[in-house]
Amino acid sequence: MEGLSAREMDALGEVFDLLDPIDPFADALPLRGSVPLGWSRLEFEGALGGLAGLGLLAREDRTGSLDTPERAWVLTPLARGVATLCGFFGEAL
């Protein structure tokens, strides 16, 4: 957690906000998915790249809707631990 900048901490919180609320263990966001309010695409992708450098996110090739391949940001187990420590979500996780 010491290596996280304030902006990366905000971005990690936004990642959890963007995950599927019906399936909280669906741990991937499309690489070209939506961008949270108040962020430019470049700024958000830069913060996600910083999170990847810290081992909190990884990029993977996955099958998207209509069986099309897509690149996605995927949470690592470390990200869930950091999110728990930061209080991004309740005890349900």
Protein backbone atom coordinates (compact mmCIF):
# COMPACT_ATOMS: atom_id res chain seq x y z
CA MET A 1 0.00 0.00 0.00
CA GLU A 2 2.94 2.30 0.59
CA GLY A 3 3.72 2.35 -3.12
CA LEU A 4 0.24 3.60 -4.11
CA SER A 5 -0.12 7.23 -5.04
CA ALA A 6 -3.34 8.99 -4.08
CA ARG A 7 -4.44 8.87 -7.73
CA GLU A 8 -3.74 5.13 -7.99
CA MET A 9 -5.66 4.56 -4.76
CA ASP A 10 -8.60 6.46 -6.28
CA ALA A 11 -8.29 4.43 -9.48
CA LEU A 12 -8.32 1.15 -7.56
CA GLY A 13 -11.50 2.25 -5.80
CA GLU A 14 -13.01 3.13 -9.18
CA VAL A 15 -12.11 -0.32 -10.52
CA PHE A 16 -14.14 -1.92 -7.74
CA ASP A 17 -17.02 0.49 -8.45
CA LEU A 18 -16.97 -0.50 -12.13
CA LEU A 19 -17.02 -4.25 -11.48
CA ASP A 20 -20.28 -6.12 -11.96
CA PRO A 21 -22.34 -5.55 -8.77
CA ILE A 22 -24.31 -8.74 -9.39
CA ASP A 23 -21.14 -10.83 -9.60
CA PRO A 24 -18.50 -9.24 -7.36
CA PHE A 25 -16.02 -11.99 -8.22
CA ALA A 26 -16.13 -11.14 -11.94
CA ASP A 27 -12.73 -9.58 -11.64
CA ALA A 28 -12.15 -8.10 -15.08
CA LEU A 29 -12.76 -4.81 -16.85
CA PRO A 30 -12.48 -4.53 -20.64
CA LEU A 31 -9.34 -2.61 -21.57
CA ARG A 32 -11.47 -0.17 -23.55
CA GLY A 33 -14.36 -0.15 -21.07
CA SER A 34 -16.03 2.81 -19.47
CA VAL A 35 -14.12 5.56 -17.72
CA PRO A 36 -15.34 6.88 -14.35
CA LEU A 37 -16.69 10.41 -14.12
CA GLY A 38 -13.98 12.97 -13.53
CA TRP A 39 -11.30 10.95 -15.31
CA SER A 40 -10.02 11.22 -18.87
CA ARG A 41 -9.39 7.92 -20.64
CA LEU A 42 -5.65 8.62 -20.76
CA GLU A 43 -5.52 9.53 -17.07
CA PHE A 44 -7.47 6.42 -15.99
CA GLU A 45 -5.45 4.08 -18.21
CA GLY A 46 -2.24 5.61 -16.85
CA ALA A 47 -3.38 4.97 -13.28
CA LEU A 48 -4.37 1.40 -14.19
CA GLY A 49 -0.92 0.92 -15.71
CA GLY A 50 0.58 2.11 -12.42
CA LEU A 51 -1.57 -0.41 -10.54
CA ALA A 52 -0.35 -3.13 -12.91
CA GLY A 53 3.24 -2.12 -12.17
CA LEU A 54 2.52 -2.63 -8.46
CA GLY A 55 1.09 -6.10 -9.10
CA LEU A 56 -2.53 -5.14 -8.41
CA LEU A 57 -3.81 -5.57 -11.97
CA ALA A 58 -2.81 -7.72 -14.93
CA ARG A 59 -3.76 -7.56 -18.59
CA GLU A 60 -5.26 -10.71 -20.06
CA ASP A 61 -6.81 -11.85 -23.30
CA ARG A 62 -10.36 -13.00 -22.64
CA THR A 63 -13.44 -13.89 -24.62
CA GLY A 64 -15.93 -11.06 -24.59
CA SER A 65 -19.56 -10.92 -25.56
CA LEU A 66 -20.37 -12.62 -28.86
CA ASP A 67 -17.24 -14.77 -28.38
CA THR A 68 -14.98 -11.98 -29.56
CA PRO A 69 -11.49 -11.75 -28.07
CA GLU A 70 -10.83 -8.73 -25.92
CA ARG A 71 -8.06 -7.46 -23.66
CA ALA A 72 -9.08 -6.89 -20.04
CA TRP A 73 -7.66 -5.58 -16.80
CA VAL A 74 -7.88 -8.37 -14.23
CA LEU A 75 -7.62 -7.97 -10.46
CA THR A 76 -4.89 -9.95 -8.76
CA PRO A 77 -5.37 -11.57 -5.34
CA LEU A 78 -3.09 -8.84 -3.97
CA ALA A 79 -5.59 -6.21 -5.19
CA ARG A 80 -8.40 -7.80 -3.20
CA GLY A 81 -6.21 -7.77 -0.08
CA VAL A 82 -5.30 -4.11 -0.56
CA ALA A 83 -8.95 -3.23 -1.23
CA THR A 84 -9.96 -4.95 2.00
CA LEU A 85 -7.33 -3.02 3.96
CA CYS A 86 -8.42 0.25 2.33
CA GLY A 87 -12.11 -0.44 3.04
CA PHE A 88 -13.29 -0.28 -0.59
CA PHE A 89 -16.10 -2.71 0.21
CA GLY A 90 -17.81 -4.34 3.13
CA GLU A 91 -17.31 -7.67 4.77
CA ALA A 92 -19.18 -9.54 2.03
CA LEU A 93 -15.99 -10.16 0.04
